């Protein structure tokens, strides 16, 4: 079981199956640098990298062209989309 931050709290049958579990080792690693650009989340293990907009440079224009088509921005719609296709 994990808490809301993703930290490991409990392991079923921990002592019987695994002995002592170092829960900190099995919790998620923290990403030092996280930025959001146009709704996309970018994470980097190096905290000293330039901002994502600087890194994208001239390519940001193409990302903006794809993601800024509507005045309200891009909206991700959750759920599952399924199709059945008759084929071999």
Protein backbone atom coordinates (compact mmCIF):
# COMPACT_ATOMS: atom_id res chain seq x y z
CA UNK A 1 0.00 0.00 0.00
CA UNK A 2 1.20 3.48 -0.88
CA UNK A 3 0.24 6.88 0.47
CA UNK A 4 -1.00 9.74 -1.70
CA UNK A 5 2.59 10.91 -2.33
CA UNK A 6 3.55 7.44 -3.58
CA UNK A 7 5.55 6.37 -0.53
CA UNK A 8 5.43 2.67 0.28
CA UNK A 9 3.64 2.15 3.59
CA UNK A 10 2.85 -1.56 3.88
CA UNK A 11 3.75 -4.81 2.12
CA UNK A 12 1.43 -7.83 2.43
CA UNK A 13 3.10 -10.64 4.41
CA UNK A 14 6.23 -8.49 4.64
CA UNK A 15 7.98 -10.32 7.47
CA UNK A 16 6.92 -13.80 6.37
CA UNK A 17 7.79 -13.36 2.70
CA UNK A 18 10.53 -10.75 2.56
CA UNK A 19 11.92 -10.20 6.03
CA UNK A 20 12.54 -6.51 6.49
CA UNK A 21 11.76 -4.31 3.48
CA UNK A 22 13.47 -0.94 3.13
CA UNK A 23 10.32 0.99 2.27
CA UNK A 24 12.24 4.15 1.34
CA UNK A 25 14.07 2.15 -1.34
CA UNK A 26 10.77 1.03 -2.90
CA UNK A 27 9.15 4.45 -2.81
CA UNK A 28 9.31 6.63 -5.92
CA UNK A 29 12.40 8.64 -6.69
CA UNK A 30 11.83 12.37 -6.65
CA UNK A 31 12.37 14.12 -9.97
CA UNK A 32 14.46 17.23 -9.23
CA UNK A 33 13.03 19.33 -12.05
CA UNK A 34 9.45 19.14 -13.33
CA UNK A 35 7.85 21.66 -15.67
CA UNK A 36 4.59 21.85 -17.56
CA UNK A 37 4.61 23.27 -21.09
CA UNK A 38 1.32 23.54 -22.95
CA UNK A 39 -0.15 20.79 -20.80
CA UNK A 40 2.75 18.37 -21.32
CA UNK A 41 4.70 17.39 -18.21
CA UNK A 42 8.49 17.25 -18.55
CA UNK A 43 10.71 15.80 -15.85
CA UNK A 44 14.51 15.83 -15.71
CA UNK A 45 16.93 14.13 -13.30
CA UNK A 46 19.29 17.11 -13.63
CA UNK A 47 18.03 20.09 -11.61
CA UNK A 48 20.44 22.47 -13.38
CA UNK A 49 19.06 22.15 -16.92
CA UNK A 50 17.62 25.21 -18.66
CA UNK A 51 13.84 25.75 -18.63
CA UNK A 52 11.93 23.58 -21.12
CA UNK A 53 10.96 26.61 -23.24
CA UNK A 54 14.64 27.50 -23.63
CA UNK A 55 15.52 23.88 -24.42
CA UNK A 56 12.82 23.66 -27.10
CA UNK A 57 14.09 26.86 -28.70
CA UNK A 58 12.77 27.26 -32.24
CA UNK A 59 10.99 23.90 -32.02
CA UNK A 60 8.57 25.44 -29.49
CA UNK A 61 6.79 27.02 -32.46
CA UNK A 62 5.89 23.54 -33.79
CA UNK A 63 4.77 22.32 -30.37
CA UNK A 64 2.63 25.44 -30.00
CA UNK A 65 1.18 24.90 -33.47
CA UNK A 66 0.10 21.40 -32.52
CA UNK A 67 -1.13 22.11 -28.97
CA UNK A 68 -2.49 25.66 -29.23
CA UNK A 69 -5.20 25.09 -31.82
CA UNK A 70 -8.01 26.35 -29.59
CA UNK A 71 -8.17 29.49 -27.45
CA UNK A 72 -8.88 27.39 -24.34
CA UNK A 73 -5.88 25.13 -24.94
CA UNK A 74 -5.76 21.37 -25.29
CA UNK A 75 -8.02 19.19 -23.17
CA UNK A 76 -7.25 15.56 -22.42
CA UNK A 77 -10.39 13.50 -22.11
CA UNK A 78 -10.11 10.46 -19.87
CA UNK A 79 -11.73 7.12 -20.26
CA UNK A 80 -11.25 4.24 -22.63
CA UNK A 81 -11.96 4.18 -26.33
CA UNK A 82 -12.51 0.73 -27.83
CA UNK A 83 -13.03 -0.39 -31.36
CA UNK A 84 -13.83 -3.86 -32.69
CA UNK A 85 -12.34 -4.44 -36.12
CA UNK A 86 -13.15 -7.58 -38.07
CA UNK A 87 -9.82 -8.71 -39.45
CA UNK A 88 -7.40 -11.61 -39.18
